[in-house]
Amino acid sequence: MLPLQVYPLPFLLFLLLCLQAPSWAKHPKIKLRLVGPRSQAGEGRLEVLYKGQWGTVCDDDFNIHVANVACRELGYDQAINWAHSAKYGSGDGPIWLDNMRCSGTESSLAECDSNGWGVTDCNHNEDSGVVCTGSHRLNSAASHIQLQVRLRAGAHIGEGRVEVLIGNHWGTVCDEGWNLPAASVVCRQLGYGTAREALSGAQLGQGLGPIHLTRVRCKGHERSLLDCRSQRAAQTGCRHDNDVAVRCNVPQTDVHRQIRLAGGRTSQEGVVEVRMPRGSAFHWGAVCGVHWGLNEAMVVCRQMGMGFASHALQETWYWQGNTDASEVVLSGVRCKGTELSILECQHHGPMHCPNGGGRFVAGVTCTQNAPDLVMSAQLVEETAYLEDRPLNMLYCAHEEGCLSASADRMNWPEGYRRLLRFSSQIHNLGRADFLPRIGRHAWIWHECHRHFHSIEVFTHYDLLTLNGSKVAEGHKASFCLEDTNCPEGMQRRFGCANFGEQGVSVGCWDTYRHDIDCQWIDITDVPPGSYIFQVIVNPKQEVAESDFSNNALRCQCQYEGHRIWLHGCHTGINTTMVGR
């Protein structure tokens, strides 16, 4: 055998290449999970199991491509958003990955570039999260539909219209054959007890979109509606006035004893007073009114079993609270609106109320019925198009602030603005009419368009980068709220003509056609590329609704400079509302 030093150089190079591990062997085997209250719905903090220990992913350089890889590895179709700054709470343990760089085609996060496992300068306040969409597949052998269920429009915990997720779309269930055993399966699937009532005939409001199932037959012991016999409802003639709902038996807790209302004209309103521990005893006190809003009021009304919030009050000088609760004991309250108790919401550790309480303590007004606005995703997707509109046709729109800032610097009336136009249809799926917050005596007359504005901003239209930064925005002032159309047999009650009453009736919808002024986003300054199109209805939460989580609509947007299209539009995305 020849000594090693006399082997020719090409042979040594070949030997080294053979000894190298194949590229696939360099990637460690990992597992992913989502953590948080909505993790079963494909949304939460992203965590990675590496070398037997769960850790998080830093949000530095995190983008939609990384989120897409993570969602596919988790068994979903794709990502529709991602979150930074520990939106879903701070994790613990190691931060495994930082400065992630994925092309979006990888099959695992382990295949993406990063600083290296455990190499980071982040802390857990920078933990990232993802929002995935599509039917969840546990593995290739179990690729059947994983039937997710949710309740909507219920005034109390454990009640609402039944909606199921099939084929990436939420839809309702027809009431043919609906009974207590089927309702009990829904209740147990959601973590409650058996059903107290199986409701038919859209008693808790009509849904929007497809009606997925009918003739559901359950014995009552099934773990999921998926295990029950049912039929697809597409060709059965079911309508949304046949949507089913449930009221579940909910375990009794003492959360309602931790809070009370005082000083109101009825038991449904008043100053909010909470029972807080102090030393070895409990004391009643008031809540600081600073930043108090409808999400916080919604939690209070639900905790007390009084339904929805209709008003959130930051000043309550006209209500006299209890003398034993005059001291402010809770401040800095910020709720998502889904908590079961006000004490589950974020709040200050040491109490800090700059105004010191008094007239500035929190109050609420509760109601059993509330409106619920939802935008039709299908219509937006079908009607989007580009228009190059001459400036001499945009004077009114410019006056109302519906063009980008660069329009101010143009040589009017020469030139044009490129507009992304679309129609929108906003349905009131709640159980009360949607009415302007202010009375008609305070509506503002706009001479240019010769109409009244009853709400300063009714919708926000935005174009976002894949990382969520705004590249273009428009707003739609509510020049008129009316019943453009109603279901067959229902009378339109709100109209704009002759200074008529404005609003949207229960079950009706308000349509804004693509050819109306300001029904657009000005994208004149936007370069071609991939974006996210976003609409938020009632963005400042000026009017109370039963559910704010479905006020946002998002679509994937592809802009090629001379043409544009929207696809994958979804409603019900949790988006931080403007003005919060």
Protein backbone atom coordinates (compact mmCIF):
# COMPACT_ATOMS: atom_id res chain seq x y z
CA MET A 1 0.00 0.00 0.00
CA LEU A 2 1.37 3.42 -0.95
CA PRO A 3 2.00 6.01 1.79
CA LEU A 4 -0.70 8.66 2.08
CA GLN A 5 1.57 11.46 0.92
CA VAL A 6 2.09 9.92 -2.51
CA TYR A 7 -1.64 9.72 -3.44
CA PRO A 8 -2.38 12.08 -6.33
CA LEU A 9 -4.23 15.32 -5.42
CA PRO A 10 -7.37 14.66 -7.52
CA PHE A 11 -7.84 11.35 -5.73
CA LEU A 12 -7.60 13.04 -2.30
CA LEU A 13 -10.23 15.60 -3.29
CA PHE A 14 -12.55 12.84 -4.48
CA LEU A 15 -12.01 10.99 -1.18
CA LEU A 16 -12.91 14.09 0.86
CA LEU A 17 -16.09 14.64 -1.12
CA CYS A 18 -17.17 11.04 -0.53
CA LEU A 19 -16.58 11.37 3.20
CA GLN A 20 -18.79 14.47 3.41
CA ALA A 21 -22.26 13.81 4.84
CA PRO A 22 -25.07 14.34 2.34
CA SER A 23 -26.79 17.73 2.58
CA TRP A 24 -30.02 16.26 3.96
CA ALA A 25 -28.16 14.71 6.87
CA LYS A 26 -26.99 18.12 8.09
CA HIS A 27 -30.49 19.22 9.03
CA PRO A 28 -31.54 18.07 12.51
CA LYS A 29 -34.96 16.57 13.09
CA ILE A 30 -37.20 19.09 14.82
CA LYS A 31 -40.84 19.44 15.79
CA LEU A 32 -42.95 22.59 15.84
CA ARG A 33 -45.93 23.63 17.90
CA LEU A 34 -48.12 26.70 18.41
CA VAL A 35 -48.74 27.91 21.94
CA GLY A 36 -51.62 30.13 23.06
CA PRO A 37 -55.41 30.09 23.47
CA ARG A 38 -55.98 29.92 19.69
CA SER A 39 -53.30 27.34 18.95
CA GLN A 40 -55.89 24.76 17.84
CA ALA A 41 -57.09 27.29 15.25
CA GLY A 42 -53.62 27.61 13.75
CA GLU A 43 -52.53 30.77 15.53
CA GLY A 44 -50.01 31.28 18.31
CA ARG A 45 -46.42 31.60 19.48
CA LEU A 46 -44.06 29.46 17.39
CA GLU A 47 -41.98 26.97 19.36
CA VAL A 48 -39.36 24.47 18.17
CA LEU A 49 -38.35 21.15 19.77
CA TYR A 50 -34.59 20.75 19.31
CA LYS A 51 -32.42 18.24 21.18
CA GLY A 52 -35.32 17.37 23.46
CA GLN A 53 -36.08 20.93 24.58
CA TRP A 54 -38.77 23.34 23.45
CA GLY A 55 -37.66 26.89 22.60
CA THR A 56 -38.83 29.93 20.67
CA VAL A 57 -37.91 31.82 17.49
CA CYS A 58 -36.78 35.46 17.55
CA ASP A 59 -38.66 37.95 15.38
CA ASP A 60 -35.49 39.52 13.87
CA ASP A 61 -35.75 39.18 10.06
CA PHE A 62 -38.84 36.97 10.51
CA ASN A 63 -41.16 37.35 7.52
CA ILE A 64 -44.03 35.73 5.65
CA HIS A 65 -41.68 33.25 3.90
CA VAL A 66 -40.49 31.89 7.25
CA ALA A 67 -44.10 31.77 8.45
CA ASN A 68 -45.16 29.82 5.33
CA VAL A 69 -42.49 27.18 5.93
CA ALA A 70 -43.52 26.88 9.59
CA CYS A 71 -47.23 26.57 8.78
CA ARG A 72 -46.66 23.88 6.16
CA GLU A 73 -44.43 21.96 8.56
CA LEU A 74 -47.24 22.20 11.14
CA GLY A 75 -49.64 20.66 8.62
CA TYR A 76 -51.47 23.75 7.37
CA ASP A 77 -51.70 25.07 3.81
CA GLN A 78 -49.94 28.39 4.29
CA ALA A 79 -49.44 31.42 6.52
CA ILE A 80 -51.64 34.48 6.23
CA ASN A 81 -49.77 36.56 8.79
CA TRP A 82 -47.03 36.54 11.38
CA ALA A 83 -46.58 38.37 14.68
CA HIS A 84 -43.64 39.99 16.42
CA SER A 85 -42.84 41.34 19.90
CA ALA A 86 -44.32 38.35 21.76
CA LYS A 87 -47.89 39.10 20.67
CA TYR A 88 -48.90 35.64 21.91
CA GLY A 89 -46.98 35.96 25.14
CA SER A 90 -43.34 35.44 26.07
CA GLY A 91 -41.99 31.91 26.05
CA ASP A 92 -39.33 30.44 28.27
CA GLY A 93 -36.32 28.25 27.77
CA PRO A 94 -33.87 28.75 24.91
CA ILE A 95 -34.38 30.97 21.88
CA TRP A 96 -33.35 28.42 19.30
CA LEU A 97 -33.43 30.46 16.10
CA ASP A 98 -32.63 34.07 15.18
CA ASN A 99 -32.31 35.99 11.89
CA MET A 100 -34.19 33.30 9.99
CA ARG A 101 -33.81 33.36 6.19
CA CYS A 102 -36.12 31.11 4.19
CA SER A 103 -36.94 31.17 0.50
CA GLY A 104 -40.39 29.78 1.30
CA THR A 105 -39.92 26.48 -0.55
CA GLU A 106 -38.24 24.58 2.32
CA SER A 107 -40.06 21.66 3.92
CA SER A 108 -38.76 22.44 7.41
CA LEU A 109 -37.43 25.41 9.36
CA ALA A 110 -34.30 23.31 9.89
CA GLU A 111 -33.49 23.80 6.19
CA CYS A 112 -33.53 27.61 6.44
CA ASP A 113 -30.46 29.73 7.16
CA SER A 114 -30.10 31.34 10.58
CA ASN A 115 -27.45 32.44 13.06
CA GLY A 116 -27.21 28.84 14.20
CA TRP A 117 -28.99 26.84 16.87
CA GLY A 118 -29.16 28.84 20.09
CA VAL A 119 -27.06 31.73 18.69
CA THR A 120 -29.05 34.91 19.40
CA ASP A 121 -29.00 38.35 20.95
CA CYS A 122 -32.78 38.36 21.53
CA ASN A 123 -34.93 38.07 24.63
CA HIS A 124 -38.38 36.52 24.97
CA ASN A 125 -40.08 39.88 24.39
CA GLU A 126 -39.14 39.29 20.74
CA ASP A 127 -40.75 35.85 20.39
CA SER A 128 -42.46 35.41 17.03
CA GLY A 129 -45.83 33.90 16.19
CA VAL A 130 -47.69 32.81 13.08
CA VAL A 131 -51.26 32.69 11.79
CA CYS A 132 -51.83 29.64 9.58
CA THR A 133 -54.75 28.81 7.33
CA GLY A 134 -56.13 25.69 5.68
CA SER A 135 -57.31 22.34 6.96
CA HIS A 136 -54.92 20.98 9.56
CA ARG A 137 -53.32 17.68 8.53
CA LEU A 138 -51.75 15.72 11.36
CA ASN A 139 -49.72 13.63 8.89
CA SER A 140 -49.91 12.30 5.37
CA ALA A 141 -51.89 9.26 6.48
CA ALA A 142 -54.47 11.42 8.26
CA SER A 143 -55.10 14.03 5.58
CA HIS A 144 -58.87 14.01 5.98
CA ILE A 145 -60.68 17.14 7.13
CA GLN A 146 -59.98 18.11 10.72
CA LEU A 147 -63.33 19.66 11.57
CA GLN A 148 -62.89 22.80 13.64
CA VAL A 149 -65.94 24.28 15.36
CA ARG A 150 -66.63 27.71 16.82
CA LEU A 151 -69.58 29.63 18.30
CA ARG A 152 -70.53 33.11 17.12
CA ALA A 153 -72.99 35.83 18.21
CA GLY A 154 -73.72 34.39 21.65
CA ALA A 155 -74.51 36.81 24.47
CA HIS A 156 -73.14 34.46 27.12
CA ILE A 157 -70.29 32.03 27.58
CA GLY A 158 -70.98 28.70 25.89
CA GLU A 159 -73.67 29.83 23.47
CA GLY A 160 -73.76 30.93 19.87
CA ARG A 161 -74.32 30.11 16.22
CA VAL A 162 -72.46 26.93 15.23
CA GLU A 163 -69.84 27.38 12.52
CA VAL A 164 -67.49 24.73 11.10
CA LEU A 165 -64.30 25.05 9.06
CA ILE A 166 -64.29 22.96 5.88
CA GLY A 167 -62.09 23.53 2.85
CA ASN A 168 -60.52 26.64 4.36
CA HIS A 169 -63.90 28.38 4.72
CA TRP A 170 -66.04 28.88 7.81
CA GLY A 171 -69.67 28.02 7.26
CA THR A 172 -72.85 27.22 9.13
CA VAL A 173 -74.97 24.11 9.78
CA CYS A 174 -78.54 23.69 8.55
CA ASP A 175 -81.18 22.89 11.18
CA GLU A 176 -82.76 19.89 9.43
CA GLY A 177 -82.60 17.10 11.99
CA TRP A 178 -80.69 19.23 14.51
CA ASN A 179 -81.24 17.99 18.04
CA LEU A 180 -79.83 17.91 21.58
CA PRO A 181 -77.38 15.00 21.06
CA ALA A 182 -75.76 16.81 18.11
CA ALA A 183 -75.61 20.05 20.10
CA SER A 184 -73.99 18.17 22.99
CA VAL A 185 -71.23 16.92 20.70
CA VAL A 186 -70.50 20.53 19.71
CA CYS A 187 -70.45 21.67 23.33
CA ARG A 188 -68.07 18.92 24.45
CA GLN A 189 -65.83 19.48 21.43
CA LEU A 190 -65.45 23.09 22.60
CA GLY A 191 -64.66 22.07 26.17
CA TYR A 192 -68.05 22.67 27.80
CA GLY A 193 -70.52 20.20 29.28
CA THR A 194 -73.53 18.81 27.47
CA ALA A 195 -75.94 21.05 25.61
CA ARG A 196 -78.74 22.79 27.43
CA GLU A 197 -80.54 23.83 24.22
CA ALA A 198 -80.32 22.97 20.52
CA LEU A 199 -81.54 26.06 18.66
CA SER A 200 -82.82 26.16 15.08
CA GLY A 201 -84.17 28.80 12.74
CA ALA A 202 -81.21 31.20 13.14
CA GLN A 203 -82.33 32.15 16.64
CA LEU A 204 -78.85 33.55 17.36
CA GLY A 205 -78.45 35.29 14.03
CA GLN A 206 -77.74 34.33 10.43
CA GLY A 207 -74.28 33.44 9.20
CA LEU A 208 -72.47 34.49 6.03
CA GLY A 209 -70.84 32.32 3.39
CA PRO A 210 -71.39 28.60 2.78
CA ILE A 211 -73.79 26.32 4.62
CA HIS A 212 -71.61 23.25 5.04
CA LEU A 213 -73.65 20.54 6.75
CA THR A 214 -77.23 19.37 7.16
CA ARG A 215 -79.04 16.34 8.58
CA VAL A 216 -76.41 15.91 11.27
CA ARG A 217 -77.08 12.67 13.14
CA CYS A 218 -75.21 12.14 16.40
CA LYS A 219 -75.75 9.61 19.18
CA GLY A 220 -74.36 12.12 21.64
CA HIS A 221 -71.17 10.37 22.73
CA GLU A 222 -69.04 11.31 19.69
CA ARG A 223 -65.89 13.35 20.30
CA SER A 224 -66.42 15.56 17.22
CA LEU A 225 -69.06 16.44 14.65
CA LEU A 226 -66.74 14.70 12.22
CA ASP A 227 -67.69 11.40 13.87
CA CYS A 228 -71.42 12.00 13.32
CA ARG A 229 -73.37 11.17 10.18
CA SER A 230 -74.19 14.22 8.07
CA GLN A 231 -74.75 15.43 4.53
CA ARG A 232 -73.26 18.31 2.60
CA ALA A 233 -75.86 21.08 2.41
CA ALA A 234 -74.90 22.52 -0.99
CA GLN A 235 -77.85 21.16 -2.97
CA THR A 236 -80.49 20.83 -0.24
CA GLY A 237 -82.10 24.27 -0.41
CA CYS A 238 -81.00 25.27 3.10
CA ARG A 239 -80.80 29.01 3.75
CA HIS A 240 -79.15 31.03 6.46
CA ASP A 241 -82.46 31.51 8.24
CA ASN A 242 -82.06 27.79 9.02
CA ASP A 243 -78.70 28.20 10.79
CA VAL A 244 -78.33 26.25 14.03
CA ALA A 245 -77.02 27.39 17.40
CA VAL A 246 -76.39 25.89 20.83
CA ARG A 247 -76.49 26.82 24.50
CA CYS A 248 -74.07 24.70 26.49
CA ASN A 249 -74.02 23.78 30.16
CA VAL A 250 -71.09 25.76 31.54
CA PRO A 251 -69.46 24.88 34.89
CA GLN A 252 -70.38 27.34 37.62
CA THR A 253 -67.59 29.63 38.82
CA ASP A 254 -67.52 32.56 41.19
CA VAL A 255 -66.19 35.07 38.64
CA HIS A 256 -69.49 36.98 38.69
CA ARG A 257 -69.00 37.61 42.40
CA GLN A 258 -65.72 39.43 41.78
CA ILE A 259 -67.38 42.34 40.00
CA ARG A 260 -70.49 44.52 40.27
CA LEU A 261 -72.11 47.61 38.76
CA ALA A 262 -73.26 50.55 40.84
CA GLY A 263 -75.18 53.81 40.40
CA GLY A 264 -76.83 53.07 37.06
CA ARG A 265 -80.44 53.68 36.15
CA THR A 266 -80.89 49.92 35.64
CA SER A 267 -79.02 46.81 36.69
CA GLN A 268 -77.49 46.69 33.18
CA GLU A 269 -75.34 49.81 33.63
CA GLY A 270 -73.17 51.59 36.15
CA VAL A 271 -69.72 52.19 37.58
CA VAL A 272 -67.52 49.06 37.41
CA GLU A 273 -66.42 47.90 40.88
CA VAL A 274 -64.07 44.95 41.42
CA ARG A 275 -63.15 42.87 44.44
CA MET A 276 -59.38 42.83 44.86
CA PRO A 277 -57.13 41.15 47.42
CA ARG A 278 -55.25 43.38 49.83
CA GLY A 279 -53.16 41.60 52.40
CA SER A 280 -55.24 38.79 53.88
CA ALA A 281 -58.58 40.38 53.01
CA PHE A 282 -60.56 41.47 49.94
CA HIS A 283 -61.71 45.03 49.26
CA TRP A 284 -64.06 46.56 46.69
CA GLY A 285 -62.81 49.41 44.53
CA ALA A 286 -63.22 51.24 41.22
CA VAL A 287 -61.39 50.82 37.89
CA CYS A 288 -59.35 53.64 36.35
CA GLY A 289 -61.09 54.99 33.24
CA VAL A 290 -57.91 55.79 31.29
CA HIS A 291 -57.83 53.76 28.01
CA TRP A 292 -61.07 51.99 29.00
CA GLY A 293 -62.81 50.74 25.85
CA LEU A 294 -65.36 48.35 24.40
CA ASN A 295 -63.12 45.27 24.63
CA GLU A 296 -62.80 45.81 28.39
CA ALA A 297 -66.51 46.55 28.75
CA MET A 298 -67.34 43.39 26.78
CA VAL A 299 -65.44 41.27 29.31
CA VAL A 300 -67.26 42.93 32.22
CA CYS A 301 -70.73 42.33 30.72
CA ARG A 302 -69.90 38.71 29.90
CA GLN A 303 -68.42 38.09 33.35
CA MET A 304 -71.64 39.35 34.94
CA GLY A 305 -73.85 37.30 32.62
CA MET A 306 -75.35 40.44 31.07
CA GLY A 307 -74.53 39.81 27.42
CA PHE A 308 -72.66 42.35 25.30
CA ALA A 309 -71.36 45.84 25.98
CA SER A 310 -73.16 48.69 24.25
CA HIS A 311 -71.08 51.50 25.78
CA ALA A 312 -67.71 51.82 27.49
CA LEU A 313 -67.47 54.96 29.62
CA GLN A 314 -64.27 56.63 30.76
CA GLU A 315 -66.12 59.26 32.80
CA THR A 316 -68.97 58.37 35.16
CA TRP A 317 -69.55 61.58 37.16
CA TYR A 318 -73.31 61.18 36.69
CA TRP A 319 -73.33 57.77 38.46
CA GLN A 320 -72.77 57.44 42.19
CA GLY A 321 -70.75 54.35 43.10
CA ASN A 322 -70.80 52.58 46.45
CA THR A 323 -69.08 54.43 49.29
CA ASP A 324 -67.02 51.35 50.18
CA ALA A 325 -65.56 51.28 46.64
CA SER A 326 -64.56 54.89 46.03
CA GLU A 327 -60.84 54.08 45.86
CA VAL A 328 -59.34 53.06 42.50
CA VAL A 329 -57.86 49.56 42.86
CA LEU A 330 -57.31 48.52 39.22
CA SER A 331 -55.67 50.45 36.36
CA GLY A 332 -54.10 49.95 32.96
CA VAL A 333 -56.68 47.33 31.96
CA ARG A 334 -56.25 46.11 28.36
CA CYS A 335 -58.39 43.19 27.18
CA LYS A 336 -58.65 41.21 23.97
CA GLY A 337 -62.39 40.95 24.57
CA THR A 338 -62.50 37.15 24.88
CA GLU A 339 -61.39 36.82 28.52
CA LEU A 340 -63.78 35.31 31.05
CA SER A 341 -62.83 37.75 33.83
CA ILE A 342 -61.53 41.31 33.95
CA LEU A 343 -58.67 40.08 36.11
CA GLU A 344 -57.49 37.86 33.22
CA CYS A 345 -56.79 41.01 31.19
CA GLN A 346 -53.47 42.81 31.26
CA HIS A 347 -53.35 45.46 33.99
CA HIS A 348 -50.85 47.43 36.00
CA GLY A 349 -48.98 45.71 38.82
CA PRO A 350 -48.70 48.70 41.12
CA MET A 351 -51.87 50.69 40.50
CA HIS A 352 -51.30 53.88 38.47
CA CYS A 353 -54.21 56.17 37.61
CA PRO A 354 -53.01 59.68 36.58
CA ASN A 355 -56.40 61.31 37.09
CA GLY A 356 -56.87 59.64 40.47
CA GLY A 357 -60.34 58.23 39.85
CA GLY A 358 -63.29 60.34 40.94
CA ARG A 359 -65.25 61.26 37.83
CA PHE A 360 -62.71 59.34 35.70
CA VAL A 361 -63.58 55.79 36.75
CA ALA A 362 -64.76 53.15 34.29
CA GLY A 363 -68.38 52.36 33.58
CA VAL A 364 -70.35 50.14 31.21
CA THR A 365 -73.77 49.68 29.69
CA CYS A 366 -74.71 46.09 28.83
CA THR A 367 -77.27 44.68 26.40
CA GLN A 368 -78.50 41.25 25.40
CA ASN A 369 -78.39 42.04 21.66
CA ALA A 370 -75.73 43.72 19.52
CA PRO A 371 -74.90 44.18 15.82
CA ASP A 372 -72.08 42.29 14.12
CA LEU A 373 -70.57 43.55 10.87
CA VAL A 374 -68.82 41.15 8.49
CA MET A 375 -67.51 41.93 5.00
CA SER A 376 -68.07 39.57 2.07
CA ALA A 377 -64.64 38.23 1.07
CA GLN A 378 -65.93 36.79 -2.20
CA LEU A 379 -67.17 40.11 -3.57
CA VAL A 380 -63.87 41.88 -2.84
CA GLU A 381 -61.92 39.13 -4.58
CA GLU A 382 -64.20 39.16 -7.64
CA THR A 383 -64.35 42.92 -8.25
CA ALA A 384 -60.78 44.23 -7.79
CA TYR A 385 -59.24 46.07 -10.73
CA LEU A 386 -56.90 48.97 -11.62
CA GLU A 387 -57.94 52.40 -12.86
CA ASP A 388 -55.75 55.32 -13.94
CA ARG A 389 -58.08 58.16 -12.99
CA PRO A 390 -57.39 61.71 -14.27
CA LEU A 391 -56.80 64.35 -11.61
CA ASN A 392 -59.56 66.55 -12.96
CA MET A 393 -62.03 63.87 -11.75
CA LEU A 394 -60.54 63.63 -8.26
CA TYR A 395 -61.03 67.05 -6.69
CA CYS A 396 -63.72 65.84 -4.27
CA ALA A 397 -61.76 62.73 -3.34
CA HIS A 398 -58.66 64.86 -2.73
CA GLU A 399 -60.66 67.17 -0.50
CA GLU A 400 -61.81 64.19 1.58
CA GLY A 401 -58.29 62.80 1.98
CA CYS A 402 -58.78 59.71 -0.16
CA LEU A 403 -55.51 60.09 -2.11
CA SER A 404 -51.92 59.50 -1.06
CA ALA A 405 -49.84 62.45 0.16
CA SER A 406 -47.90 62.66 -3.13
CA ALA A 407 -51.08 63.90 -4.82
CA ASP A 408 -50.55 67.24 -3.07
CA ARG A 409 -47.36 67.77 -5.05
CA MET A 410 -48.84 67.10 -8.49
CA ASN A 411 -49.59 69.73 -11.12
CA TRP A 412 -53.38 69.70 -10.90
CA PRO A 413 -55.36 69.03 -13.05
CA GLU A 414 -52.65 67.42 -15.21
CA GLY A 415 -51.82 63.76 -14.66
CA TYR A 416 -53.61 60.81 -13.04
CA ARG A 417 -53.61 58.57 -9.97
CA ARG A 418 -53.48 54.77 -10.13
CA LEU A 419 -56.28 53.32 -8.01
CA LEU A 420 -56.97 49.79 -6.79
CA ARG A 421 -60.77 49.73 -6.95
CA PHE A 422 -63.17 47.11 -5.60
CA SER A 423 -66.71 46.66 -4.32
CA SER A 424 -67.50 45.84 -0.72
CA GLN A 425 -70.59 44.39 0.89
CA ILE A 426 -70.92 44.69 4.65
CA HIS A 427 -73.47 42.41 6.32
CA ASN A 428 -75.01 42.90 9.75
CA LEU A 429 -75.08 39.35 11.13
CA GLY A 430 -75.88 40.40 14.69
CA ARG A 431 -79.14 40.64 16.58
CA ALA A 432 -79.44 44.44 16.73
CA ASP A 433 -79.32 47.22 14.15
CA PHE A 434 -75.97 48.90 13.48
CA LEU A 435 -76.54 52.62 14.13
CA PRO A 436 -74.19 55.62 14.06
CA ARG A 437 -72.82 56.56 17.47
CA ILE A 438 -73.89 60.17 17.11
CA GLY A 439 -77.38 61.46 16.36
CA ARG A 440 -78.35 63.05 13.07
CA HIS A 441 -78.11 66.52 14.64
CA ALA A 442 -74.29 66.02 14.76
CA TRP A 443 -73.82 64.63 11.24
CA ILE A 444 -71.49 66.70 9.05
CA TRP A 445 -72.61 67.97 5.65
CA HIS A 446 -70.03 67.64 2.84
CA GLU A 447 -70.84 70.08 0.08
CA CYS A 448 -68.51 68.44 -2.45
CA HIS A 449 -70.37 65.13 -2.52
CA ARG A 450 -73.59 66.60 -1.11
CA HIS A 451 -74.15 64.05 1.63
CA PHE A 452 -73.89 63.71 5.41
CA HIS A 453 -71.15 61.83 7.23
CA SER A 454 -72.49 59.98 10.26
CA ILE A 455 -69.23 58.19 11.19
CA GLU A 456 -65.87 59.84 10.65
CA VAL A 457 -64.14 56.63 9.46
CA PHE A 458 -66.23 53.55 8.75
CA THR A 459 -63.53 51.37 7.16
CA HIS A 460 -59.77 51.37 6.72
CA TYR A 461 -58.35 50.16 3.41
CA ASP A 462 -54.63 49.31 3.48
CA LEU A 463 -51.98 47.66 1.33
CA LEU A 464 -49.27 45.99 3.42
CA THR A 465 -45.92 44.40 2.72
CA LEU A 466 -45.61 40.70 3.50
CA ASN A 467 -44.04 41.79 6.79
CA GLY A 468 -47.09 43.84 7.68
CA SER A 469 -45.80 47.40 7.01
CA LYS A 470 -48.17 49.81 5.26
CA VAL A 471 -47.18 50.86 1.75
CA ALA A 472 -50.50 52.51 0.83
CA GLU A 473 -53.67 53.32 2.69
CA GLY A 474 -57.04 54.81 2.05
CA HIS A 475 -60.06 55.36 4.23
CA LYS A 476 -63.75 55.24 3.56
CA ALA A 477 -65.68 57.89 5.44
CA SER A 478 -69.22 56.67 6.08
CA PHE A 479 -71.03 59.03 3.75
CA CYS A 480 -74.11 56.91 4.17
CA LEU A 481 -75.14 53.81 6.10
CA GLU A 482 -78.18 52.17 4.57
CA ASP A 483 -79.92 48.91 3.83
CA THR A 484 -78.80 48.51 0.23
CA ASN A 485 -80.42 45.06 0.18
CA CYS A 486 -82.23 42.78 2.60
CA PRO A 487 -83.25 39.11 2.47
CA GLU A 488 -86.45 38.27 0.63
CA GLY A 489 -89.49 39.27 2.64
CA MET A 490 -87.63 41.80 4.82
CA GLN A 491 -88.31 45.51 4.46
CA ARG A 492 -85.45 48.00 4.08
CA ARG A 493 -85.65 50.48 6.95
CA PHE A 494 -82.59 52.70 6.49
CA GLY A 495 -81.93 54.90 3.47
CA CYS A 496 -79.93 57.99 2.58
CA ALA A 497 -82.45 59.89 0.49
CA ASN A 498 -83.95 63.06 1.91
CA PHE A 499 -81.78 63.11 5.05
CA GLY A 500 -83.13 59.70 6.01
CA GLU A 501 -82.18 57.67 9.04
CA GLN A 502 -78.87 55.86 8.64
CA GLY A 503 -77.96 52.36 9.79
CA VAL A 504 -77.83 48.71 8.75
CA SER A 505 -80.70 46.49 9.83
CA VAL A 506 -80.28 43.01 11.24
CA GLY A 507 -79.81 40.57 8.35
CA CYS A 508 -79.37 43.33 5.73
CA TRP A 509 -76.23 44.59 4.03
CA ASP A 510 -74.72 47.86 2.86
CA THR A 511 -72.98 47.73 -0.52
CA TYR A 512 -70.30 50.17 -1.66
CA ARG A 513 -69.85 49.86 -5.41
CA HIS A 514 -66.42 50.03 -6.98
CA ASP A 515 -67.34 53.20 -8.90
CA ILE A 516 -68.04 55.30 -5.77
CA ASP A 517 -65.51 57.96 -4.78
CA CYS A 518 -62.96 56.78 -2.17
CA GLN A 519 -63.85 53.12 -2.76
CA TRP A 520 -60.19 52.45 -3.53
CA ILE A 521 -56.58 52.41 -2.40
CA ASP A 522 -54.27 54.92 -4.12
CA ILE A 523 -51.28 52.79 -5.24
CA THR A 524 -49.66 55.37 -7.54
CA ASP A 525 -46.39 55.22 -5.58
CA VAL A 526 -46.37 51.44 -4.99
CA PRO A 527 -43.85 49.35 -6.97
CA PRO A 528 -44.88 45.98 -8.45
CA GLY A 529 -44.67 43.04 -6.06
CA SER A 530 -46.53 40.77 -3.65
CA TYR A 531 -48.60 42.45 -0.93
CA ILE A 532 -51.40 41.93 1.58
CA PHE A 533 -54.67 43.75 0.99
CA GLN A 534 -56.50 44.57 4.23
CA VAL A 535 -59.88 46.02 5.14
CA ILE A 536 -61.02 46.73 8.71
CA VAL A 537 -64.66 47.65 9.33
CA ASN A 538 -65.53 49.92 12.26
CA PRO A 539 -61.77 50.28 12.87
CA LYS A 540 -61.97 52.65 15.84
CA GLN A 541 -64.70 50.56 17.44
CA GLU A 542 -66.91 53.62 17.59
CA VAL A 543 -70.00 51.41 17.62
CA ALA A 544 -70.30 48.36 19.87
CA GLU A 545 -70.57 44.94 18.23
CA SER A 546 -70.98 41.42 19.53
CA ASP A 547 -67.72 40.33 17.90
CA PHE A 548 -64.81 42.49 16.73
CA SER A 549 -62.61 39.54 15.71
CA ASN A 550 -64.39 39.21 12.33
CA ASN A 551 -64.13 42.89 11.38
CA ALA A 552 -60.90 42.38 9.45
CA LEU A 553 -60.52 40.98 5.92
CA ARG A 554 -57.20 40.12 4.31
CA CYS A 555 -56.26 38.97 0.81
CA GLN A 556 -53.06 38.02 -0.94
CA CYS A 557 -52.36 40.68 -3.56
CA GLN A 558 -50.20 40.35 -6.67
CA TYR A 559 -49.37 43.59 -8.50
CA GLU A 560 -47.46 43.42 -11.79
CA GLY A 561 -47.48 47.11 -12.68
CA HIS A 562 -50.16 46.88 -15.35
CA ARG A 563 -52.51 44.39 -13.71
CA ILE A 564 -53.49 43.32 -10.21
CA TRP A 565 -55.43 40.49 -8.61
CA LEU A 566 -56.54 39.46 -5.14
CA HIS A 567 -56.79 35.87 -3.97
CA GLY A 568 -57.10 33.86 -0.76
CA CYS A 569 -59.39 36.43 0.89
CA HIS A 570 -60.39 35.62 4.47
CA THR A 571 -62.44 37.33 7.15
CA GLY A 572 -62.10 36.86 10.86
CA ILE A 573 -58.39 37.65 11.16
CA ASN A 574 -57.36 38.95 14.54
CA THR A 575 -56.01 42.38 13.82
CA THR A 576 -55.12 45.10 16.25
CA MET A 577 -57.72 47.78 15.69
CA VAL A 578 -56.71 51.30 14.86
CA GLY A 579 -57.26 53.71 17.69
CA ARG A 580 -56.69 51.17 20.44
